[in-house]
Amino acid sequence: MFNIKIISLILALLFISSFPAIPCSAAAISTHTYINGQVTVLSESRINISGVEYVIDKKCKYVMQYRKGRAFYEDPASYNNVRIGDNVTAKMTGGILYEIILERWKR
């Protein structure tokens, strides 16, 4: 014969397991997109890459990629390193760019 405590425990576990999993934060369900192209217009808060305008996050990370021989390297960069005509790859989440990679090796 089952004890009332065991039955209560089984019912409680069944009740808890019936709920769907809920992510802990919005970051758990967000995804990022990569944009490749050439910079056509540039301001501190917006950038136009191959004819499409994007908003730049205030904390945007800038990286400069270059090539020496067969190897690729990255150095920290800043907004001041971006020029019109540069080839870039940008990471976007929620319509805002949070990382811009300057592809100097494509020159």
PDB file of N, CA and C in Angstrom:
ATOM      1  N   MET A   1       0.839  -1.181   0.000  1.00  0.00           N
ATOM      2  CA  MET A   1       0.000   0.000   0.000  1.00  0.00           C
ATOM      3  C   MET A   1       0.884   1.244   0.000  1.00  0.00           C
ATOM      4  N   PHE A   2       0.490   2.207  -0.821  1.00  0.00           N
ATOM      5  CA  PHE A   2       1.288   3.429  -0.952  1.00  0.00           C
ATOM      6  C   PHE A   2       1.084   4.353   0.234  1.00  0.00           C
ATOM      7  N   ASN A   3       2.156   4.995   0.569  1.00  0.00           N
ATOM      8  CA  ASN A   3       2.130   5.989   1.614  1.00  0.00           C
ATOM      9  C   ASN A   3       1.633   7.305   1.021  1.00  0.00           C
ATOM     10  N   ILE A   4       0.925   8.127   1.766  1.00  0.00           N
ATOM     11  CA  ILE A   4       0.384   9.405   1.288  1.00  0.00           C
ATOM     12  C   ILE A   4       1.497  10.368   0.870  1.00  0.00           C
ATOM     13  N   LYS A   5       2.672  10.293   1.539  1.00  0.00           N
ATOM     14  CA  LYS A   5       3.799  11.164   1.193  1.00  0.00           C
ATOM     15  C   LYS A   5       4.344  10.816  -0.180  1.00  0.00           C
ATOM     16  N   ILE A   6       4.431   9.550  -0.501  1.00  0.00           N
ATOM     17  CA  ILE A   6       4.936   9.119  -1.809  1.00  0.00           C
ATOM     18  C   ILE A   6       3.979   9.554  -2.917  1.00  0.00           C
ATOM     19  N   ILE A   7       2.683   9.396  -2.681  1.00  0.00           N
ATOM     20  CA  ILE A   7       1.683   9.803  -3.671  1.00  0.00           C
ATOM     21  C   ILE A   7       1.744  11.320  -3.888  1.00  0.00           C
ATOM     22  N   SER A   8       1.866  12.075  -2.795  1.00  0.00           N
ATOM     23  CA  SER A   8       1.964  13.535  -2.905  1.00  0.00           C
ATOM     24  C   SER A   8       3.206  13.937  -3.680  1.00  0.00           C
ATOM     25  N   LEU A   9       4.317  13.283  -3.454  1.00  0.00           N
ATOM     26  CA  LEU A   9       5.559  13.581  -4.158  1.00  0.00           C
ATOM     27  C   LEU A   9       5.421  13.292  -5.653  1.00  0.00           C
ATOM     28  N   ILE A  10       4.828  12.175  -5.994  1.00  0.00           N
ATOM     29  CA  ILE A  10       4.631  11.810  -7.394  1.00  0.00           C
ATOM     30  C   ILE A  10       3.725  12.833  -8.093  1.00  0.00           C
ATOM     31  N   LEU A  11       2.648  13.222  -7.434  1.00  0.00           N
ATOM     32  CA  LEU A  11       1.744  14.221  -8.013  1.00  0.00           C
ATOM     33  C   LEU A  11       2.431  15.577  -8.188  1.00  0.00           C
ATOM     34  N   ALA A  12       3.238  15.963  -7.215  1.00  0.00           N
ATOM     35  CA  ALA A  12       3.966  17.235  -7.314  1.00  0.00           C
ATOM     36  C   ALA A  12       4.953  17.217  -8.485  1.00  0.00           C
ATOM     37  N   LEU A  13       5.675  16.103  -8.651  1.00  0.00           N
ATOM     38  CA  LEU A  13       6.624  15.989  -9.764  1.00  0.00           C
ATOM     39  C   LEU A  13       5.910  16.001 -11.111  1.00  0.00           C
ATOM     40  N   LEU A  14       4.771  15.342 -11.207  1.00  0.00           N
ATOM     41  CA  LEU A  14       3.992  15.361 -12.441  1.00  0.00           C
ATOM     42  C   LEU A  14       3.486  16.768 -12.755  1.00  0.00           C
ATOM     43  N   PHE A  15       3.058  17.484 -11.723  1.00  0.00           N
ATOM     44  CA  PHE A  15       2.572  18.846 -11.900  1.00  0.00           C
ATOM     45  C   PHE A  15       3.685  19.766 -12.391  1.00  0.00           C
ATOM     46  N   ILE A  16       4.857  19.697 -11.785  1.00  0.00           N
ATOM     47  CA  ILE A  16       5.993  20.554 -12.169  1.00  0.00           C
ATOM     48  C   ILE A  16       6.487  20.211 -13.564  1.00  0.00           C
ATOM     49  N   SER A  17       6.541  18.947 -13.908  1.00  0.00           N
ATOM     50  CA  SER A  17       7.051  18.541 -15.216  1.00  0.00           C
ATOM     51  C   SER A  17       6.089  18.874 -16.357  1.00  0.00           C
ATOM     52  N   SER A  18       4.852  19.239 -16.048  1.00  0.00           N
ATOM     53  CA  SER A  18       3.891  19.553 -17.097  1.00  0.00           C
ATOM     54  C   SER A  18       4.081  20.967 -17.660  1.00  0.00           C
ATOM     55  N   PHE A  19       4.861  21.821 -16.985  1.00  0.00           N
ATOM     56  CA  PHE A  19       5.103  23.178 -17.470  1.00  0.00           C
ATOM     57  C   PHE A  19       6.185  23.173 -18.548  1.00  0.00           C
ATOM     58  N   PRO A  20       6.034  23.997 -19.595  1.00  0.00           N
ATOM     59  CA  PRO A  20       7.086  24.086 -20.623  1.00  0.00           C
ATOM     60  C   PRO A  20       8.317  24.795 -20.076  1.00  0.00           C
ATOM     61  N   ALA A  21       9.449  24.522 -20.693  1.00  0.00           N
ATOM     62  CA  ALA A  21      10.694  25.182 -20.272  1.00  0.00           C
ATOM     63  C   ALA A  21      10.624  26.658 -20.638  1.00  0.00           C
ATOM     64  N   ILE A  22      11.047  27.519 -19.732  1.00  0.00           N
ATOM     65  CA  ILE A  22      11.036  28.957 -19.952  1.00  0.00           C
ATOM     66  C   ILE A  22      12.478  29.440 -19.944  1.00  0.00           C
ATOM     67  N   PRO A  23      12.911  30.157 -20.990  1.00  0.00           N
ATOM     68  CA  PRO A  23      14.290  30.652 -20.998  1.00  0.00           C
ATOM     69  C   PRO A  23      14.517  31.664 -19.877  1.00  0.00           C
ATOM     70  N   CYS A  24      15.754  31.716 -19.412  1.00  0.00           N
ATOM     71  CA  CYS A  24      16.090  32.586 -18.287  1.00  0.00           C
ATOM     72  C   CYS A  24      16.179  34.050 -18.679  1.00  0.00           C
ATOM     73  N   SER A  25      16.508  34.325 -19.938  1.00  0.00           N
ATOM     74  CA  SER A  25      16.650  35.711 -20.371  1.00  0.00           C
ATOM     75  C   SER A  25      16.348  35.811 -21.848  1.00  0.00           C
ATOM     76  N   ALA A  26      16.222  37.049 -22.317  1.00  0.00           N
ATOM     77  CA  ALA A  26      15.977  37.274 -23.744  1.00  0.00           C
ATOM     78  C   ALA A  26      17.176  36.835 -24.569  1.00  0.00           C
ATOM     79  N   ALA A  27      18.366  36.896 -23.990  1.00  0.00           N
ATOM     80  CA  ALA A  27      19.578  36.492 -24.717  1.00  0.00           C
ATOM     81  C   ALA A  27      19.546  35.003 -25.039  1.00  0.00           C
ATOM     82  N   ALA A  28      18.845  34.240 -24.242  1.00  0.00           N
ATOM     83  CA  ALA A  28      18.783  32.803 -24.475  1.00  0.00           C
ATOM     84  C   ALA A  28      18.019  32.465 -25.748  1.00  0.00           C
ATOM     85  N   ILE A  29      17.116  33.344 -26.182  1.00  0.00           N
ATOM     86  CA  ILE A  29      16.329  33.066 -27.371  1.00  0.00           C
ATOM     87  C   ILE A  29      16.690  33.976 -28.548  1.00  0.00           C
ATOM     88  N   SER A  30      17.583  34.932 -28.354  1.00  0.00           N
ATOM     89  CA  SER A  30      17.938  35.829 -29.447  1.00  0.00           C
ATOM     90  C   SER A  30      19.007  35.197 -30.331  1.00  0.00           C
ATOM     91  N   THR A  31      19.021  35.612 -31.567  1.00  0.00           N
ATOM     92  CA  THR A  31      20.018  35.126 -32.509  1.00  0.00           C
ATOM     93  C   THR A  31      20.700  36.315 -33.156  1.00  0.00           C
ATOM     94  N   HIS A  32      21.857  36.078 -33.712  1.00  0.00           N
ATOM     95  CA  HIS A  32      22.532  37.164 -34.412  1.00  0.00           C
ATOM     96  C   HIS A  32      22.667  36.812 -35.886  1.00  0.00           C
ATOM     97  N   THR A  33      22.830  37.860 -36.675  1.00  0.00           N
ATOM     98  CA  THR A  33      22.937  37.739 -38.119  1.00  0.00           C
ATOM     99  C   THR A  33      24.228  38.422 -38.553  1.00  0.00           C
ATOM    100  N   TYR A  34      24.869  37.875 -39.583  1.00  0.00           N
ATOM    101  CA  TYR A  34      26.074  38.487 -40.136  1.00  0.00           C
ATOM    102  C   TYR A  34      25.717  39.231 -41.415  1.00  0.00           C
ATOM    103  N   ILE A  35      26.253  40.432 -41.557  1.00  0.00           N
ATOM    104  CA  ILE A  35      26.066  41.238 -42.756  1.00  0.00           C
ATOM    105  C   ILE A  35      27.436  41.468 -43.374  1.00  0.00           C
ATOM    106  N   ASN A  36      27.562  41.203 -44.667  1.00  0.00           N
ATOM    107  CA  ASN A  36      28.812  41.446 -45.391  1.00  0.00           C
ATOM    108  C   ASN A  36      28.557  42.487 -46.457  1.00  0.00           C
ATOM    109  N   GLY A  37      29.528  43.352 -46.668  1.00  0.00           N
ATOM    110  CA  GLY A  37      29.389  44.322 -47.739  1.00  0.00           C
ATOM    111  C   GLY A  37      30.384  45.449 -47.617  1.00  0.00           C
ATOM    112  N   GLN A  38      30.121  46.489 -48.412  1.00  0.00           N
ATOM    113  CA  GLN A  38      30.998  47.641 -48.477  1.00  0.00           C
ATOM    114  C   GLN A  38      30.316  48.843 -47.827  1.00  0.00           C
ATOM    115  N   VAL A  39      31.079  49.593 -47.045  1.00  0.00           N
ATOM    116  CA  VAL A  39      30.551  50.780 -46.373  1.00  0.00           C
ATOM    117  C   VAL A  39      30.321  51.863 -47.425  1.00  0.00           C
ATOM    118  N   THR A  40      29.073  52.375 -47.486  1.00  0.00           N
ATOM    119  CA  THR A  40      28.767  53.436 -48.444  1.00  0.00           C
ATOM    120  C   THR A  40      28.485  54.771 -47.763  1.00  0.00           C
ATOM    121  N   VAL A  41      27.924  54.752 -46.553  1.00  0.00           N
ATOM    122  CA  VAL A  41      27.664  55.962 -45.771  1.00  0.00           C
ATOM    123  C   VAL A  41      27.976  55.624 -44.320  1.00  0.00           C
ATOM    124  N   LEU A  42      28.525  56.612 -43.578  1.00  0.00           N
ATOM    125  CA  LEU A  42      28.952  56.345 -42.202  1.00  0.00           C
ATOM    126  C   LEU A  42      28.717  57.549 -41.309  1.00  0.00           C
ATOM    127  N   SER A  43      28.111  57.307 -40.140  1.00  0.00           N
ATOM    128  CA  SER A  43      28.040  58.298 -39.070  1.00  0.00           C
ATOM    129  C   SER A  43      28.280  57.539 -37.768  1.00  0.00           C
ATOM    130  N   GLU A  44      28.380  58.246 -36.651  1.00  0.00           N
ATOM    131  CA  GLU A  44      28.693  57.549 -35.398  1.00  0.00           C
ATOM    132  C   GLU A  44      27.577  56.630 -34.931  1.00  0.00           C
ATOM    133  N   SER A  45      26.343  56.904 -35.323  1.00  0.00           N
ATOM    134  CA  SER A  45      25.225  56.081 -34.858  1.00  0.00           C
ATOM    135  C   SER A  45      24.634  55.194 -35.942  1.00  0.00           C
ATOM    136  N   ARG A  46      24.997  55.411 -37.204  1.00  0.00           N
ATOM    137  CA  ARG A  46      24.434  54.630 -38.315  1.00  0.00           C
ATOM    138  C   ARG A  46      25.515  54.327 -39.350  1.00  0.00           C
ATOM    139  N   ILE A  47      25.301  53.215 -40.044  1.00  0.00           N
ATOM    140  CA  ILE A  47      26.220  52.828 -41.119  1.00  0.00           C
ATOM    141  C   ILE A  47      25.379  52.243 -42.252  1.00  0.00           C
ATOM    142  N   ASN A  48      25.771  52.538 -43.456  1.00  0.00           N
ATOM    143  CA  ASN A  48      25.109  51.990 -44.629  1.00  0.00           C
ATOM    144  C   ASN A  48      26.072  50.997 -45.256  1.00  0.00           C
ATOM    145  N   ILE A  49      25.655  49.735 -45.298  1.00  0.00           N
ATOM    146  CA  ILE A  49      26.488  48.670 -45.852  1.00  0.00           C
ATOM    147  C   ILE A  49      25.798  48.152 -47.103  1.00  0.00           C
ATOM    148  N   SER A  50      26.436  48.353 -48.233  1.00  0.00           N
ATOM    149  CA  SER A  50      25.913  47.905 -49.532  1.00  0.00           C
ATOM    150  C   SER A  50      24.465  48.334 -49.759  1.00  0.00           C
ATOM    151  N   GLY A  51      24.170  49.596 -49.428  1.00  0.00           N
ATOM    152  CA  GLY A  51      22.852  50.149 -49.712  1.00  0.00           C
ATOM    153  C   GLY A  51      21.798  49.965 -48.641  1.00  0.00           C
ATOM    154  N   VAL A  52      22.128  49.307 -47.527  1.00  0.00           N
ATOM    155  CA  VAL A  52      21.166  49.099 -46.442  1.00  0.00           C
ATOM    156  C   VAL A  52      21.692  49.786 -45.186  1.00  0.00           C
ATOM    157  N   GLU A  53      20.828  50.594 -44.553  1.00  0.00           N
ATOM    158  CA  GLU A  53      21.241  51.345 -43.364  1.00  0.00           C
ATOM    159  C   GLU A  53      20.977  50.541 -42.090  1.00  0.00           C
ATOM    160  N   TYR A  54      21.953  50.586 -41.173  1.00  0.00           N
ATOM    161  CA  TYR A  54      21.866  49.881 -39.892  1.00  0.00           C
ATOM    162  C   TYR A  54      22.200  50.839 -38.766  1.00  0.00           C
ATOM    163  N   VAL A  55      21.654  50.563 -37.583  1.00  0.00           N
ATOM    164  CA  VAL A  55      21.951  51.326 -36.373  1.00  0.00           C
ATOM    165  C   VAL A  55      23.149  50.682 -35.693  1.00  0.00           C
ATOM    166  N   ILE A  56      24.102  51.509 -35.232  1.00  0.00           N
ATOM    167  CA  ILE A  56      25.294  51.017 -34.534  1.00  0.00           C
ATOM    168  C   ILE A  56      25.077  51.164 -33.030  1.00  0.00           C
ATOM    169  N   ASP A  57      25.289  50.091 -32.290  1.00  0.00           N
ATOM    170  CA  ASP A  57      25.190  50.121 -30.837  1.00  0.00           C
ATOM    171  C   ASP A  57      26.254  51.053 -30.258  1.00  0.00           C
ATOM    172  N   LYS A  58      25.930  51.740 -29.167  1.00  0.00           N
ATOM    173  CA  LYS A  58      26.889  52.658 -28.539  1.00  0.00           C
ATOM    174  C   LYS A  58      28.133  51.935 -28.032  1.00  0.00           C
ATOM    175  N   LYS A  59      27.986  50.647 -27.703  1.00  0.00           N
ATOM    176  CA  LYS A  59      29.114  49.858 -27.201  1.00  0.00           C
ATOM    177  C   LYS A  59      29.656  48.921 -28.279  1.00  0.00           C
ATOM    178  N   CYS A  60      29.505  49.298 -29.531  1.00  0.00           N
ATOM    179  CA  CYS A  60      29.923  48.459 -30.650  1.00  0.00           C
ATOM    180  C   CYS A  60      31.416  48.142 -30.571  1.00  0.00           C
ATOM    181  N   LYS A  61      31.746  46.892 -30.830  1.00  0.00           N
ATOM    182  CA  LYS A  61      33.144  46.446 -30.843  1.00  0.00           C
ATOM    183  C   LYS A  61      33.654  46.531 -32.282  1.00  0.00           C
ATOM    184  N   TYR A  62      34.804  47.145 -32.459  1.00  0.00           N
ATOM    185  CA  TYR A  62      35.431  47.256 -33.777  1.00  0.00           C
ATOM    186  C   TYR A  62      36.698  46.405 -33.793  1.00  0.00           C
ATOM    187  N   VAL A  63      36.867  45.622 -34.864  1.00  0.00           N
ATOM    188  CA  VAL A  63      38.021  44.741 -35.017  1.00  0.00           C
ATOM    189  C   VAL A  63      38.568  44.915 -36.427  1.00  0.00           C
ATOM    190  N   MET A  64      39.901  44.944 -36.552  1.00  0.00           N
ATOM    191  CA  MET A  64      40.537  45.047 -37.857  1.00  0.00           C
ATOM    192  C   MET A  64      41.208  43.711 -38.179  1.00  0.00           C
ATOM    193  N   GLN A  65      40.801  43.094 -39.283  1.00  0.00           N
ATOM    194  CA  GLN A  65      41.421  41.849 -39.739  1.00  0.00           C
ATOM    195  C   GLN A  65      42.396  42.180 -40.862  1.00  0.00           C
ATOM    196  N   TYR A  66      43.573  41.576 -40.793  1.00  0.00           N
ATOM    197  CA  TYR A  66      44.547  41.755 -41.867  1.00  0.00           C
ATOM    198  C   TYR A  66      45.285  40.444 -42.085  1.00  0.00           C
ATOM    199  N   ARG A  67      46.021  40.404 -43.167  1.00  0.00           N
ATOM    200  CA  ARG A  67      46.699  39.168 -43.556  1.00  0.00           C
ATOM    201  C   ARG A  67      48.190  39.417 -43.712  1.00  0.00           C
ATOM    202  N   LYS A  68      48.980  38.487 -43.187  1.00  0.00           N
ATOM    203  CA  LYS A  68      50.429  38.472 -43.389  1.00  0.00           C
ATOM    204  C   LYS A  68      50.782  37.079 -43.869  1.00  0.00           C
ATOM    205  N   GLY A  69      51.222  36.988 -45.113  1.00  0.00           N
ATOM    206  CA  GLY A  69      51.485  35.678 -45.690  1.00  0.00           C
ATOM    207  C   GLY A  69      50.182  34.913 -45.817  1.00  0.00           C
ATOM    208  N   ARG A  70      50.149  33.715 -45.262  1.00  0.00           N
ATOM    209  CA  ARG A  70      48.939  32.894 -45.299  1.00  0.00           C
ATOM    210  C   ARG A  70      48.086  33.025 -44.047  1.00  0.00           C
ATOM    211  N   ALA A  71      48.570  33.746 -43.058  1.00  0.00           N
ATOM    212  CA  ALA A  71      47.872  33.851 -41.776  1.00  0.00           C
ATOM    213  C   ALA A  71      47.021  35.115 -41.693  1.00  0.00           C
ATOM    214  N   PHE A  72      45.918  35.017 -40.967  1.00  0.00           N
ATOM    215  CA  PHE A  72      45.045  36.150 -40.707  1.00  0.00           C
ATOM    216  C   PHE A  72      45.211  36.582 -39.257  1.00  0.00           C
ATOM    217  N   TYR A  73      45.176  37.879 -39.028  1.00  0.00           N
ATOM    218  CA  TYR A  73      45.343  38.439 -37.686  1.00  0.00           C
ATOM    219  C   TYR A  73      44.220  39.427 -37.418  1.00  0.00           C
ATOM    220  N   GLU A  74      43.982  39.678 -36.128  1.00  0.00           N
ATOM    221  CA  GLU A  74      42.992  40.666 -35.718  1.00  0.00           C
ATOM    222  C   GLU A  74      43.611  41.600 -34.690  1.00  0.00           C
ATOM    223  N   ASP A  75      43.285  42.867 -34.828  1.00  0.00           N
ATOM    224  CA  ASP A  75      43.687  43.878 -33.863  1.00  0.00           C
ATOM    225  C   ASP A  75      42.458  44.673 -33.461  1.00  0.00           C
ATOM    226  N   PRO A  76      42.455  45.212 -32.252  1.00  0.00           N
ATOM    227  CA  PRO A  76      41.357  46.096 -31.866  1.00  0.00           C
ATOM    228  C   PRO A  76      41.348  47.326 -32.783  1.00  0.00           C
ATOM    229  N   ALA A  77      40.183  47.844 -33.042  1.00  0.00           N
ATOM    230  CA  ALA A  77      40.043  49.035 -33.881  1.00  0.00           C
ATOM    231  C   ALA A  77      39.018  49.955 -33.224  1.00  0.00           C
ATOM    232  N   SER A  78      38.687  51.029 -33.895  1.00  0.00           N
ATOM    233  CA  SER A  78      37.690  51.965 -33.385  1.00  0.00           C
ATOM    234  C   SER A  78      36.885  52.525 -34.556  1.00  0.00           C
ATOM    235  N   TYR A  79      35.913  53.323 -34.223  1.00  0.00           N
ATOM    236  CA  TYR A  79      35.082  53.970 -35.237  1.00  0.00           C
ATOM    237  C   TYR A  79      35.952  54.765 -36.219  1.00  0.00           C
ATOM    238  N   ASN A  80      37.010  55.373 -35.714  1.00  0.00           N
ATOM    239  CA  ASN A  80      37.887  56.211 -36.544  1.00  0.00           C
ATOM    240  C   ASN A  80      38.628  55.427 -37.627  1.00  0.00           C
ATOM    241  N   ASN A  81      38.709  54.108 -37.510  1.00  0.00           N
ATOM    242  CA  ASN A  81      39.384  53.286 -38.511  1.00  0.00           C
ATOM    243  C   ASN A  81      38.491  52.935 -39.703  1.00  0.00           C
ATOM    244  N   VAL A  82      37.176  53.144 -39.570  1.00  0.00           N
ATOM    245  CA  VAL A  82      36.239  52.793 -40.634  1.00  0.00           C
ATOM    246  C   VAL A  82      36.243  53.885 -41.695  1.00  0.00           C
ATOM    247  N   ARG A  83      36.334  53.472 -42.963  1.00  0.00           N
ATOM    248  CA  ARG A  83      36.342  54.401 -44.090  1.00  0.00           C
ATOM    249  C   ARG A  83      35.286  53.977 -45.106  1.00  0.00           C
ATOM    250  N   ILE A  84      34.776  54.930 -45.830  1.00  0.00           N
ATOM    251  CA  ILE A  84      33.847  54.626 -46.913  1.00  0.00           C
ATOM    252  C   ILE A  84      34.600  53.800 -47.950  1.00  0.00           C
ATOM    253  N   GLY A  85      33.978  52.725 -48.403  1.00  0.00           N
ATOM    254  CA  GLY A  85      34.600  51.809 -49.347  1.00  0.00           C
ATOM    255  C   GLY A  85      35.212  50.588 -48.693  1.00  0.00           C
ATOM    256  N   ASP A  86      35.335  50.583 -47.354  1.00  0.00           N
ATOM    257  CA  ASP A  86      35.883  49.421 -46.643  1.00  0.00           C
ATOM    258  C   ASP A  86      34.940  48.227 -46.759  1.00  0.00           C
ATOM    259  N   ASN A  87      35.519  47.045 -46.887  1.00  0.00           N
ATOM    260  CA  ASN A  87      34.755  45.804 -46.802  1.00  0.00           C
ATOM    261  C   ASN A  87      34.633  45.446 -45.329  1.00  0.00           C
ATOM    262  N   VAL A  88      33.414  45.124 -44.908  1.00  0.00           N
ATOM    263  CA  VAL A  88      33.174  44.806 -43.502  1.00  0.00           C
ATOM    264  C   VAL A  88      32.272  43.580 -43.380  1.00  0.00           C
ATOM    265  N   THR A  89      32.379  42.948 -42.214  1.00  0.00           N
ATOM    266  CA  THR A  89      31.408  41.964 -41.765  1.00  0.00           C
ATOM    267  C   THR A  89      30.900  42.501 -40.439  1.00  0.00           C
ATOM    268  N   ALA A  90      29.582  42.562 -40.282  1.00  0.00           N
ATOM    269  CA  ALA A  90      28.994  43.100 -39.063  1.00  0.00           C
ATOM    270  C   ALA A  90      28.076  42.065 -38.441  1.00  0.00           C
ATOM    271  N   LYS A  91      28.062  42.025 -37.112  1.00  0.00           N
ATOM    272  CA  LYS A  91      27.158  41.135 -36.381  1.00  0.00           C
ATOM    273  C   LYS A  91      25.979  41.978 -35.885  1.00  0.00           C
ATOM    274  N   MET A  92      24.769  41.468 -36.118  1.00  0.00           N
ATOM    275  CA  MET A  92      23.574  42.211 -35.762  1.00  0.00           C
ATOM    276  C   MET A  92      22.657  41.350 -34.907  1.00  0.00           C
ATOM    277  N   THR A  93      22.086  41.964 -33.872  1.00  0.00           N
ATOM    278  CA  THR A  93      21.052  41.338 -33.064  1.00  0.00           C
ATOM    279  C   THR A  93      19.925  42.349 -32.903  1.00  0.00           C
ATOM    280  N   GLY A  94      18.727  41.955 -33.225  1.00  0.00           N
ATOM    281  CA  GLY A  94      17.581  42.840 -33.052  1.00  0.00           C
ATOM    282  C   GLY A  94      17.666  44.105 -33.871  1.00  0.00           C
ATOM    283  N   GLY A  95      18.285  44.055 -35.017  1.00  0.00           N
ATOM    284  CA  GLY A  95      18.375  45.214 -35.898  1.00  0.00           C
ATOM    285  C   GLY A  95      19.473  46.202 -35.533  1.00  0.00           C
ATOM    286  N   ILE A  96      20.295  45.882 -34.548  1.00  0.00           N
ATOM    287  CA  ILE A  96      21.375  46.776 -34.111  1.00  0.00           C
ATOM    288  C   ILE A  96      22.714  46.064 -34.258  1.00  0.00           C
ATOM    289  N   LEU A  97      23.692  46.759 -34.852  1.00  0.00           N
ATOM    290  CA  LEU A  97      25.028  46.187 -35.012  1.00  0.00           C
ATOM    291  C   LEU A  97      25.797  46.316 -33.712  1.00  0.00           C
ATOM    292  N   TYR A  98      26.389  45.217 -33.258  1.00  0.00           N
ATOM    293  CA  TYR A  98      27.178  45.264 -32.032  1.00  0.00           C
ATOM    294  C   TYR A  98      28.634  44.872 -32.253  1.00  0.00           C
ATOM    295  N   GLU A  99      28.999  44.475 -33.468  1.00  0.00           N
ATOM    296  CA  GLU A  99      30.402  44.231 -33.792  1.00  0.00           C
ATOM    297  C   GLU A  99      30.612  44.491 -35.275  1.00  0.00           C
ATOM    298  N   ILE A 100      31.670  45.251 -35.585  1.00  0.00           N
ATOM    299  CA  ILE A 100      32.026  45.539 -36.973  1.00  0.00           C
ATOM    300  C   ILE A 100      33.463  45.086 -37.189  1.00  0.00           C
ATOM    301  N   ILE A 101      33.644  44.193 -38.164  1.00  0.00           N
ATOM    302  CA  ILE A 101      34.974  43.663 -38.486  1.00  0.00           C
ATOM    303  C   ILE A 101      35.434  44.289 -39.793  1.00  0.00           C
ATOM    304  N   LEU A 102      36.511  45.042 -39.732  1.00  0.00           N
ATOM    305  CA  LEU A 102      37.082  45.675 -40.928  1.00  0.00           C
ATOM    306  C   LEU A 102      37.989  44.667 -41.615  1.00  0.00           C
ATOM    307  N   GLU A 103      37.674  44.329 -42.836  1.00  0.00           N
ATOM    308  CA  GLU A 103      38.411  43.293 -43.560  1.00  0.00           C
ATOM    309  C   GLU A 103      39.481  43.944 -44.436  1.00  0.00           C
ATOM    310  N   ARG A 104      40.583  44.340 -43.827  1.00  0.00           N
ATOM    311  CA  ARG A 104      41.657  45.031 -44.547  1.00  0.00           C
ATOM    312  C   ARG A 104      42.377  44.105 -45.526  1.00  0.00           C
ATOM    313  N   TRP A 105      42.257  42.811 -45.334  1.00  0.00           N
ATOM    314  CA  TRP A 105      42.926  41.858 -46.206  1.00  0.00           C
ATOM    315  C   TRP A 105      42.264  41.794 -47.585  1.00  0.00           C
ATOM    316  N   LYS A 106      41.077  42.352 -47.740  1.00  0.00           N
ATOM    317  CA  LYS A 106      40.384  42.336 -49.029  1.00  0.00           C
ATOM    318  C   LYS A 106      40.800  43.486 -49.928  1.00  0.00           C
ATOM    319  N   ARG A 107      41.635  44.386 -49.442  1.00  0.00           N
ATOM    320  CA  ARG A 107      42.052  45.544 -50.249  1.00  0.00           C
ATOM    321  C   ARG A 107      42.942  45.133 -51.379  1.00  0.00           C
TER     322      ARG A 107
END
